[in-house]
């Protein structure tokens, strides 16, 4: 199988992520939430680094139960800061809790985070062949709205990556069999 040039073929986890998850449209709020929180931790790091720690994050973040994470207090943040299996950045950990609370607010307002996201994206998939591009007018708009609502670590570059990962933007490269198959 031909894959996007960015895939580290020596990392089976990364290959599986590309083949089975990246760019596949997500509409399940739990999956959208997990991905959004993980993207928060990518800021300044590689996605491969975050992906390699995903199972540890799932354990540390109560299976990405948004209600539980939104209720985390300073004591829980201290426990997370001592967990060597995850990325221990206090600002990102604090952002994950704050963003979880805002995620719940968005669900309350729109009925689901998916409905919110689909409203911003026009319920369609955008095809943008993978390049070194890191933002788009769409990621700018989604980022701006999330920031307006109070989220942090949701700049346009992070949101562009998020939109590619959750299937809003089909960004597979022309060399990739997924591109040839339409995603």
N, C-alpha and C. Protein backbone atom coordinates (compact mmCIF):
# COMPACT_ATOMS: atom_id res chain seq x y z
N UNK A 1 0.84 -1.19 0.00
CA UNK A 1 0.00 0.00 0.00
C UNK A 1 0.88 1.24 0.00
N UNK A 2 0.55 2.19 -0.84
CA UNK A 2 1.23 3.48 -0.84
C UNK A 2 0.55 4.40 0.17
N UNK A 3 1.37 5.09 0.96
CA UNK A 3 0.84 5.96 2.02
C UNK A 3 1.38 7.37 1.85
N UNK A 4 0.78 8.30 2.58
CA UNK A 4 1.26 9.67 2.60
C UNK A 4 2.73 9.69 3.01
N UNK A 5 3.48 10.63 2.47
CA UNK A 5 4.92 10.70 2.70
C UNK A 5 5.27 10.93 4.16
N UNK A 6 4.37 11.52 4.95
CA UNK A 6 4.68 11.85 6.34
C UNK A 6 4.61 10.63 7.28
N UNK A 7 4.08 9.52 6.81
CA UNK A 7 3.90 8.35 7.68
C UNK A 7 5.25 7.70 7.95
N UNK A 8 5.57 7.52 9.22
CA UNK A 8 6.78 6.81 9.62
C UNK A 8 6.49 5.31 9.50
N UNK A 9 6.98 4.71 8.45
CA UNK A 9 6.68 3.32 8.16
C UNK A 9 7.30 2.34 9.15
N UNK A 10 8.22 2.81 9.99
CA UNK A 10 8.84 1.93 10.99
C UNK A 10 8.03 1.89 12.29
N UNK A 11 6.98 2.70 12.37
CA UNK A 11 6.14 2.73 13.57
C UNK A 11 4.77 2.13 13.22
N UNK A 12 4.54 0.88 13.59
CA UNK A 12 3.27 0.22 13.25
C UNK A 12 2.04 0.98 13.76
N UNK A 13 2.17 1.62 14.91
CA UNK A 13 1.06 2.40 15.46
C UNK A 13 0.71 3.56 14.54
N UNK A 14 1.72 4.22 14.02
CA UNK A 14 1.53 5.36 13.13
C UNK A 14 0.95 4.91 11.79
N UNK A 15 1.44 3.79 11.28
CA UNK A 15 0.92 3.24 10.02
C UNK A 15 -0.56 2.90 10.19
N UNK A 16 -0.89 2.23 11.26
CA UNK A 16 -2.29 1.85 11.53
C UNK A 16 -3.16 3.09 11.68
N UNK A 17 -2.64 4.11 12.37
CA UNK A 17 -3.39 5.36 12.53
C UNK A 17 -3.69 5.96 11.15
N UNK A 18 -2.68 6.05 10.29
CA UNK A 18 -2.90 6.59 8.94
C UNK A 18 -3.92 5.76 8.17
N UNK A 19 -3.75 4.45 8.21
CA UNK A 19 -4.58 3.57 7.40
C UNK A 19 -6.02 3.47 7.88
N UNK A 20 -6.23 3.56 9.19
CA UNK A 20 -7.55 3.28 9.74
C UNK A 20 -8.27 4.48 10.34
N UNK A 21 -7.54 5.53 10.70
CA UNK A 21 -8.18 6.64 11.41
C UNK A 21 -8.05 8.00 10.74
N UNK A 22 -6.84 8.36 10.33
CA UNK A 22 -6.59 9.72 9.87
C UNK A 22 -7.44 10.04 8.65
N UNK A 23 -8.24 11.08 8.76
CA UNK A 23 -9.05 11.52 7.64
C UNK A 23 -10.39 10.82 7.52
N UNK A 24 -10.66 9.86 8.39
CA UNK A 24 -11.96 9.19 8.36
C UNK A 24 -12.95 10.09 9.09
N UNK A 25 -14.06 10.44 8.44
CA UNK A 25 -15.03 11.34 9.10
C UNK A 25 -15.52 10.80 10.43
N UNK A 26 -15.40 11.65 11.45
CA UNK A 26 -15.86 11.31 12.81
C UNK A 26 -17.12 12.12 13.11
N UNK A 27 -18.09 11.46 13.71
CA UNK A 27 -19.30 12.17 14.13
C UNK A 27 -19.68 11.82 15.57
N UNK A 28 -18.87 11.00 16.21
CA UNK A 28 -19.09 10.61 17.59
C UNK A 28 -18.41 11.62 18.51
N UNK A 29 -19.19 12.22 19.39
CA UNK A 29 -18.64 13.27 20.26
C UNK A 29 -17.49 12.78 21.13
N UNK A 30 -17.56 11.55 21.62
CA UNK A 30 -16.47 11.06 22.46
C UNK A 30 -15.18 11.00 21.67
N UNK A 31 -15.24 10.52 20.44
CA UNK A 31 -14.05 10.44 19.58
C UNK A 31 -13.57 11.84 19.19
N UNK A 32 -14.50 12.73 18.89
CA UNK A 32 -14.12 14.11 18.55
C UNK A 32 -13.45 14.80 19.74
N UNK A 33 -13.97 14.53 20.93
CA UNK A 33 -13.40 15.11 22.14
C UNK A 33 -11.98 14.58 22.39
N UNK A 34 -11.82 13.27 22.32
CA UNK A 34 -10.49 12.68 22.53
C UNK A 34 -9.48 13.30 21.58
N UNK A 35 -9.85 13.38 20.33
CA UNK A 35 -8.94 13.91 19.32
C UNK A 35 -8.62 15.38 19.60
N UNK A 36 -9.61 16.16 20.01
CA UNK A 36 -9.37 17.57 20.31
C UNK A 36 -8.39 17.73 21.48
N UNK A 37 -8.58 16.92 22.50
CA UNK A 37 -7.68 17.00 23.66
C UNK A 37 -6.27 16.56 23.26
N UNK A 38 -6.16 15.49 22.51
CA UNK A 38 -4.84 15.04 22.08
C UNK A 38 -4.15 16.09 21.20
N UNK A 39 -4.90 16.73 20.33
CA UNK A 39 -4.32 17.79 19.49
C UNK A 39 -3.80 18.93 20.35
N UNK A 40 -4.44 19.20 21.48
CA UNK A 40 -3.97 20.22 22.41
C UNK A 40 -2.54 19.92 22.84
N UNK A 41 -2.26 18.66 23.07
CA UNK A 41 -0.94 18.27 23.53
C UNK A 41 0.09 18.23 22.41
N UNK A 42 -0.37 18.26 21.16
CA UNK A 42 0.56 18.24 20.04
C UNK A 42 1.30 19.57 19.88
N UNK A 43 0.72 20.65 20.33
CA UNK A 43 1.32 21.98 20.14
C UNK A 43 2.81 21.94 20.47
N UNK A 44 3.64 22.24 19.47
CA UNK A 44 5.08 22.26 19.64
C UNK A 44 5.75 20.90 19.56
N UNK A 45 4.97 19.85 19.39
CA UNK A 45 5.49 18.49 19.32
C UNK A 45 5.01 17.83 18.03
N UNK A 46 5.41 16.60 17.81
CA UNK A 46 4.94 15.87 16.64
C UNK A 46 3.70 15.07 17.02
N UNK A 47 2.84 14.82 16.02
CA UNK A 47 1.67 13.99 16.26
C UNK A 47 2.11 12.57 16.64
N UNK A 48 3.20 12.11 16.07
CA UNK A 48 3.68 10.77 16.39
C UNK A 48 3.99 10.65 17.88
N UNK A 49 4.58 11.67 18.46
CA UNK A 49 4.87 11.68 19.89
C UNK A 49 3.59 11.53 20.70
N UNK A 50 2.57 12.29 20.34
CA UNK A 50 1.29 12.23 21.05
C UNK A 50 0.63 10.87 20.83
N UNK A 51 0.63 10.41 19.59
CA UNK A 51 0.02 9.13 19.27
C UNK A 51 0.66 7.99 20.06
N UNK A 52 1.97 8.03 20.22
CA UNK A 52 2.67 6.99 20.98
C UNK A 52 2.25 6.98 22.45
N UNK A 53 1.70 8.10 22.93
CA UNK A 53 1.28 8.20 24.32
C UNK A 53 -0.24 8.13 24.48
N UNK A 54 -0.96 7.89 23.39
CA UNK A 54 -2.43 7.94 23.44
C UNK A 54 -3.02 7.00 24.47
N UNK A 55 -2.54 5.77 24.55
CA UNK A 55 -3.11 4.83 25.53
C UNK A 55 -2.86 5.31 26.96
N UNK A 56 -1.70 5.88 27.21
CA UNK A 56 -1.42 6.43 28.54
C UNK A 56 -2.33 7.62 28.83
N UNK A 57 -2.57 8.44 27.82
CA UNK A 57 -3.52 9.55 27.99
C UNK A 57 -4.92 9.03 28.29
N UNK A 58 -5.33 7.98 27.60
CA UNK A 58 -6.67 7.42 27.84
C UNK A 58 -6.81 6.98 29.30
N UNK A 59 -5.76 6.35 29.82
CA UNK A 59 -5.81 5.93 31.22
C UNK A 59 -5.81 7.14 32.15
N UNK A 60 -4.91 8.07 31.90
CA UNK A 60 -4.76 9.24 32.77
C UNK A 60 -5.99 10.14 32.75
N UNK A 61 -6.68 10.19 31.62
CA UNK A 61 -7.83 11.07 31.45
C UNK A 61 -9.15 10.30 31.51
N UNK A 62 -9.20 9.27 32.35
CA UNK A 62 -10.44 8.54 32.60
C UNK A 62 -11.17 8.15 31.33
N UNK A 63 -10.42 7.58 30.37
CA UNK A 63 -11.04 7.13 29.13
C UNK A 63 -11.61 8.27 28.30
N UNK A 64 -11.09 9.46 28.51
CA UNK A 64 -11.58 10.67 27.83
C UNK A 64 -13.08 10.85 28.07
N UNK A 65 -13.47 10.67 29.31
CA UNK A 65 -14.84 10.98 29.74
C UNK A 65 -14.87 12.48 30.00
N UNK A 66 -15.52 13.23 29.11
CA UNK A 66 -15.50 14.69 29.17
C UNK A 66 -16.06 15.21 30.49
N UNK A 67 -17.08 14.56 31.03
CA UNK A 67 -17.65 15.00 32.31
C UNK A 67 -16.61 14.90 33.43
N UNK A 68 -15.89 13.79 33.45
CA UNK A 68 -14.88 13.60 34.50
C UNK A 68 -13.73 14.58 34.34
N UNK A 69 -13.24 14.76 33.12
CA UNK A 69 -12.11 15.66 32.90
C UNK A 69 -12.50 17.10 33.22
N UNK A 70 -13.72 17.48 32.87
CA UNK A 70 -14.18 18.84 33.17
C UNK A 70 -14.23 19.11 34.68
N UNK A 71 -14.35 18.06 35.46
CA UNK A 71 -14.42 18.21 36.92
C UNK A 71 -13.06 18.13 37.61
N UNK A 72 -11.99 17.94 36.85
CA UNK A 72 -10.67 17.87 37.46
C UNK A 72 -10.35 19.14 38.23
N UNK A 73 -9.71 18.95 39.37
CA UNK A 73 -9.30 20.07 40.21
C UNK A 73 -7.77 20.15 40.26
N UNK A 74 -7.27 21.06 41.06
CA UNK A 74 -5.82 21.23 41.16
C UNK A 74 -5.11 19.97 41.64
N UNK A 75 -5.75 19.24 42.54
CA UNK A 75 -5.14 18.00 43.05
C UNK A 75 -4.98 16.98 41.91
N UNK A 76 -5.98 16.87 41.06
CA UNK A 76 -5.89 15.94 39.93
C UNK A 76 -4.81 16.41 38.95
N UNK A 77 -4.71 17.71 38.73
CA UNK A 77 -3.66 18.24 37.85
C UNK A 77 -2.28 17.88 38.39
N UNK A 78 -2.11 17.92 39.71
CA UNK A 78 -0.83 17.55 40.30
C UNK A 78 -0.53 16.07 40.07
N UNK A 79 -1.55 15.22 40.16
CA UNK A 79 -1.37 13.79 39.88
C UNK A 79 -0.93 13.62 38.43
N UNK A 80 -1.58 14.32 37.52
CA UNK A 80 -1.21 14.24 36.10
C UNK A 80 0.21 14.73 35.86
N UNK A 81 0.60 15.77 36.57
CA UNK A 81 1.96 16.31 36.42
C UNK A 81 3.02 15.30 36.84
N UNK A 82 2.65 14.33 37.64
CA UNK A 82 3.61 13.31 38.11
C UNK A 82 3.60 12.06 37.23
N UNK A 83 2.75 12.03 36.20
CA UNK A 83 2.61 10.84 35.36
C UNK A 83 3.62 10.90 34.21
N UNK A 84 4.69 10.09 34.26
CA UNK A 84 5.72 10.16 33.23
C UNK A 84 5.29 9.57 31.88
N UNK A 85 4.14 8.92 31.84
CA UNK A 85 3.69 8.28 30.60
C UNK A 85 2.98 9.26 29.65
N UNK A 86 2.64 10.45 30.16
CA UNK A 86 1.96 11.44 29.33
C UNK A 86 2.85 12.67 29.17
N UNK A 87 2.39 13.62 28.39
CA UNK A 87 3.10 14.89 28.23
C UNK A 87 2.70 15.76 29.42
N UNK A 88 3.70 16.10 30.23
CA UNK A 88 3.45 16.81 31.49
C UNK A 88 3.75 18.30 31.35
N UNK A 89 2.87 18.97 30.70
CA UNK A 89 2.98 20.41 30.52
C UNK A 89 1.79 21.03 31.24
N UNK A 90 2.05 21.78 32.29
CA UNK A 90 0.96 22.31 33.12
C UNK A 90 -0.02 23.16 32.32
N UNK A 91 0.50 23.97 31.42
CA UNK A 91 -0.39 24.84 30.62
C UNK A 91 -1.32 24.00 29.74
N UNK A 92 -0.79 22.94 29.17
CA UNK A 92 -1.62 22.07 28.32
C UNK A 92 -2.61 21.27 29.16
N UNK A 93 -2.18 20.82 30.33
CA UNK A 93 -3.09 20.09 31.22
C UNK A 93 -4.23 21.00 31.69
N UNK A 94 -3.89 22.21 32.05
CA UNK A 94 -4.91 23.18 32.47
C UNK A 94 -5.85 23.48 31.32
N UNK A 95 -5.30 23.63 30.12
CA UNK A 95 -6.12 23.88 28.93
C UNK A 95 -7.06 22.71 28.66
N UNK A 96 -6.58 21.50 28.85
CA UNK A 96 -7.43 20.33 28.61
C UNK A 96 -8.66 20.35 29.51
N UNK A 97 -8.49 20.73 30.77
CA UNK A 97 -9.62 20.81 31.69
C UNK A 97 -10.55 21.95 31.29
N UNK A 98 -10.00 23.11 31.04
CA UNK A 98 -10.80 24.26 30.65
C UNK A 98 -11.55 23.98 29.34
N UNK A 99 -10.85 23.42 28.37
CA UNK A 99 -11.47 23.12 27.08
C UNK A 99 -12.57 22.06 27.22
N UNK A 100 -12.41 21.16 28.18
CA UNK A 100 -13.45 20.16 28.43
C UNK A 100 -14.73 20.82 28.90
N UNK A 101 -14.61 21.78 29.76
CA UNK A 101 -15.79 22.51 30.26
C UNK A 101 -16.48 23.25 29.12
N UNK A 102 -15.69 23.84 28.24
CA UNK A 102 -16.25 24.57 27.10
C UNK A 102 -16.85 23.59 26.09
N UNK A 103 -16.23 22.44 25.92
CA UNK A 103 -16.78 21.38 25.06
C UNK A 103 -18.18 21.02 25.54
N UNK A 104 -18.36 20.87 26.85
CA UNK A 104 -19.68 20.56 27.42
C UNK A 104 -20.66 21.70 27.15
N UNK A 105 -20.20 22.94 27.26
CA UNK A 105 -21.07 24.09 26.95
C UNK A 105 -21.52 24.05 25.50
N UNK A 106 -20.61 23.71 24.61
CA UNK A 106 -20.94 23.63 23.18
C UNK A 106 -21.95 22.51 22.94
N UNK A 107 -21.76 21.37 23.59
CA UNK A 107 -22.72 20.28 23.46
C UNK A 107 -24.10 20.73 23.93
N UNK A 108 -24.13 21.45 25.02
CA UNK A 108 -25.40 21.94 25.57
C UNK A 108 -26.08 22.88 24.59
N UNK A 109 -25.31 23.78 24.00
CA UNK A 109 -25.86 24.77 23.09
C UNK A 109 -26.33 24.18 21.76
N UNK A 110 -25.57 23.23 21.22
CA UNK A 110 -25.85 22.71 19.87
C UNK A 110 -26.44 21.30 19.85
N UNK A 111 -26.51 20.66 21.01
CA UNK A 111 -27.01 19.28 21.06
C UNK A 111 -25.89 18.26 20.96
N UNK A 112 -24.81 18.62 20.29
CA UNK A 112 -23.62 17.78 20.22
C UNK A 112 -22.48 18.64 19.68
N UNK A 113 -21.26 18.20 19.96
CA UNK A 113 -20.11 18.90 19.39
C UNK A 113 -20.07 18.68 17.89
N UNK A 114 -20.49 17.51 17.45
CA UNK A 114 -20.54 17.22 16.02
C UNK A 114 -21.46 18.21 15.31
N UNK A 115 -22.63 18.48 15.87
CA UNK A 115 -23.55 19.44 15.24
C UNK A 115 -22.92 20.82 15.16
N UNK A 116 -22.22 21.22 16.21
CA UNK A 116 -21.50 22.49 16.20
C UNK A 116 -20.47 22.52 15.07
N UNK A 117 -19.65 21.48 15.00
CA UNK A 117 -18.60 21.41 14.00
C UNK A 117 -19.18 21.36 12.59
N UNK A 118 -20.22 20.57 12.40
CA UNK A 118 -20.85 20.48 11.09
C UNK A 118 -21.46 21.81 10.67
N UNK A 119 -21.97 22.57 11.62
CA UNK A 119 -22.50 23.90 11.31
C UNK A 119 -21.42 24.84 10.81
N UNK A 120 -20.23 24.73 11.39
CA UNK A 120 -19.12 25.59 10.97
C UNK A 120 -18.50 25.16 9.65
N UNK A 121 -18.60 23.88 9.34
CA UNK A 121 -17.95 23.34 8.15
C UNK A 121 -18.90 23.11 6.99
N UNK A 122 -20.17 23.42 7.18
CA UNK A 122 -21.14 23.24 6.12
C UNK A 122 -21.45 21.78 5.83
N UNK A 123 -21.18 20.91 6.79
CA UNK A 123 -21.48 19.48 6.68
C UNK A 123 -20.85 18.84 5.44
N UNK A 124 -19.65 19.29 5.09
CA UNK A 124 -19.01 18.68 3.93
C UNK A 124 -17.54 18.40 4.22
N UNK A 125 -16.95 17.60 3.34
CA UNK A 125 -15.53 17.29 3.42
C UNK A 125 -14.80 18.16 2.40
N UNK A 126 -13.74 18.79 2.84
CA UNK A 126 -12.92 19.63 1.98
C UNK A 126 -11.72 18.81 1.53
N UNK A 127 -11.45 18.82 0.25
CA UNK A 127 -10.30 18.08 -0.29
C UNK A 127 -9.14 19.04 -0.49
N UNK A 128 -8.11 18.83 0.26
CA UNK A 128 -6.90 19.64 0.16
C UNK A 128 -5.73 18.68 0.22
N UNK A 129 -5.16 18.36 -0.91
CA UNK A 129 -4.05 17.43 -0.95
C UNK A 129 -2.99 17.84 0.06
N UNK A 130 -2.42 16.85 0.73
CA UNK A 130 -1.40 17.11 1.74
C UNK A 130 -0.23 17.88 1.14
N UNK A 131 0.06 18.99 1.78
CA UNK A 131 1.22 19.82 1.43
C UNK A 131 1.83 20.27 2.76
N UNK A 132 2.70 21.22 2.69
CA UNK A 132 3.25 21.77 3.93
C UNK A 132 2.32 22.82 4.54
N UNK A 133 1.16 22.97 3.97
CA UNK A 133 0.16 23.92 4.48
C UNK A 133 -0.19 23.54 5.92
N UNK A 134 -0.36 24.55 6.76
CA UNK A 134 -0.68 24.27 8.16
C UNK A 134 -1.94 24.98 8.63
N UNK A 135 -2.53 25.82 7.80
CA UNK A 135 -3.77 26.50 8.14
C UNK A 135 -4.60 26.67 6.88
N UNK A 136 -5.84 27.07 7.07
CA UNK A 136 -6.73 27.38 5.96
C UNK A 136 -7.76 28.38 6.45
N UNK A 137 -8.52 28.99 5.56
CA UNK A 137 -9.59 29.88 6.03
C UNK A 137 -10.57 29.15 6.96
N UNK A 138 -10.83 27.87 6.69
CA UNK A 138 -11.72 27.10 7.55
C UNK A 138 -11.12 26.92 8.94
N UNK A 139 -9.85 26.53 9.02
CA UNK A 139 -9.24 26.34 10.34
C UNK A 139 -9.14 27.67 11.07
N UNK A 140 -8.91 28.75 10.32
CA UNK A 140 -8.90 30.09 10.94
C UNK A 140 -10.25 30.39 11.59
N UNK A 141 -11.34 30.08 10.88
CA UNK A 141 -12.69 30.39 11.38
C UNK A 141 -13.05 29.53 12.59
N UNK A 142 -12.76 28.22 12.51
CA UNK A 142 -13.08 27.33 13.63
C UNK A 142 -12.24 27.71 14.84
N UNK A 143 -10.96 27.96 14.62
CA UNK A 143 -10.07 28.37 15.71
C UNK A 143 -10.58 29.64 16.37
N UNK A 144 -10.93 30.63 15.57
CA UNK A 144 -11.41 31.91 16.11
C UNK A 144 -12.66 31.71 16.96
N UNK A 145 -13.56 30.86 16.50
CA UNK A 145 -14.79 30.65 17.27
C UNK A 145 -14.50 29.92 18.58
N UNK A 146 -13.65 28.91 18.55
CA UNK A 146 -13.31 28.21 19.78
C UNK A 146 -12.60 29.13 20.77
N UNK A 147 -11.72 29.98 20.27
CA UNK A 147 -11.04 30.95 21.14
C UNK A 147 -12.04 31.95 21.71
N UNK A 148 -12.98 32.39 20.90
CA UNK A 148 -14.01 33.33 21.37
C UNK A 148 -14.81 32.71 22.51
N UNK A 149 -14.98 31.42 22.46
CA UNK A 149 -15.71 30.71 23.51
C UNK A 149 -14.84 30.46 24.75
N UNK A 150 -13.52 30.71 24.63
CA UNK A 150 -12.63 30.60 25.78
C UNK A 150 -11.64 29.45 25.73
N UNK A 151 -11.65 28.64 24.68
CA UNK A 151 -10.68 27.55 24.59
C UNK A 151 -9.29 28.09 24.35
N UNK A 152 -8.30 27.33 24.79
CA UNK A 152 -6.90 27.67 24.55
C UNK A 152 -6.20 26.48 23.91
N UNK A 153 -5.03 26.73 23.33
CA UNK A 153 -4.28 25.73 22.57
C UNK A 153 -5.12 25.22 21.40
N UNK A 154 -5.86 26.13 20.79
CA UNK A 154 -6.70 25.79 19.63
C UNK A 154 -6.42 26.79 18.51
N UNK A 155 -5.14 27.10 18.30
CA UNK A 155 -4.77 27.98 17.20
C UNK A 155 -5.10 27.34 15.86
N UNK A 156 -5.01 28.12 14.82
CA UNK A 156 -5.39 27.65 13.50
C UNK A 156 -4.60 26.42 13.05
N UNK A 157 -3.31 26.34 13.41
CA UNK A 157 -2.51 25.18 13.01
C UNK A 157 -3.00 23.91 13.71
N UNK A 158 -3.27 24.00 15.01
CA UNK A 158 -3.79 22.85 15.74
C UNK A 158 -5.15 22.44 15.18
N UNK A 159 -6.00 23.41 14.90
CA UNK A 159 -7.33 23.10 14.38
C UNK A 159 -7.26 22.55 12.97
N UNK A 160 -6.32 23.03 12.16
CA UNK A 160 -6.15 22.47 10.82
C UNK A 160 -5.80 20.98 10.92
N UNK A 161 -4.88 20.65 11.81
CA UNK A 161 -4.51 19.26 12.03
C UNK A 161 -5.71 18.45 12.53
N UNK A 162 -6.47 19.04 13.43
CA UNK A 162 -7.68 18.40 13.97
C UNK A 162 -8.70 18.12 12.86
N UNK A 163 -8.93 19.11 12.00
CA UNK A 163 -9.90 18.96 10.92
C UNK A 163 -9.46 17.89 9.92
N UNK A 164 -8.16 17.78 9.70
CA UNK A 164 -7.66 16.70 8.84
C UNK A 164 -7.88 15.36 9.53
N UNK A 165 -7.53 15.28 10.79
CA UNK A 165 -7.61 14.01 11.52
C UNK A 165 -9.04 13.51 11.62
N UNK A 166 -10.00 14.41 11.84
CA UNK A 166 -11.39 13.98 12.03
C UNK A 166 -12.18 13.93 10.73
N UNK A 167 -11.51 14.09 9.60
CA UNK A 167 -12.14 13.86 8.31
C UNK A 167 -12.88 15.02 7.70
N UNK A 168 -12.78 16.20 8.28
CA UNK A 168 -13.41 17.38 7.67
C UNK A 168 -12.59 17.81 6.46
N UNK A 169 -11.27 17.72 6.59
CA UNK A 169 -10.37 18.02 5.48
C UNK A 169 -9.69 16.72 5.06
N UNK A 170 -9.90 16.31 3.82
CA UNK A 170 -9.22 15.15 3.28
C UNK A 170 -7.89 15.65 2.74
N UNK A 171 -6.82 15.36 3.46
CA UNK A 171 -5.51 15.88 3.10
C UNK A 171 -4.51 14.84 2.65
N UNK A 172 -4.98 13.66 2.25
CA UNK A 172 -4.04 12.63 1.79
C UNK A 172 -3.28 13.11 0.55
N UNK A 173 -2.01 12.75 0.45
CA UNK A 173 -1.19 13.13 -0.70
C UNK A 173 -1.53 12.31 -1.93
N UNK A 174 -1.19 12.84 -3.10
CA UNK A 174 -1.49 12.16 -4.36
C UNK A 174 -0.84 10.79 -4.46
N UNK A 175 0.28 10.60 -3.77
CA UNK A 175 0.97 9.31 -3.80
C UNK A 175 0.25 8.24 -2.99
N UNK A 176 -0.70 8.66 -2.14
CA UNK A 176 -1.35 7.77 -1.18
C UNK A 176 -2.55 7.05 -1.81
N UNK A 177 -2.66 5.76 -1.51
CA UNK A 177 -3.80 5.00 -1.99
C UNK A 177 -5.12 5.53 -1.44
N UNK A 178 -5.08 6.12 -0.26
CA UNK A 178 -6.30 6.72 0.31
C UNK A 178 -6.75 7.92 -0.51
N UNK A 179 -5.81 8.69 -1.01
CA UNK A 179 -6.14 9.82 -1.89
C UNK A 179 -6.78 9.29 -3.17
N UNK A 180 -6.16 8.26 -3.74
CA UNK A 180 -6.65 7.68 -4.98
C UNK A 180 -8.05 7.08 -4.80
N UNK A 181 -8.32 6.59 -3.60
CA UNK A 181 -9.63 5.98 -3.32
C UNK A 181 -10.65 7.01 -2.85
N UNK A 182 -10.24 8.30 -2.78
CA UNK A 182 -11.16 9.34 -2.35
C UNK A 182 -11.24 9.51 -0.85
N UNK A 183 -10.19 9.07 -0.14
CA UNK A 183 -10.17 9.27 1.31
C UNK A 183 -10.21 7.97 1.98
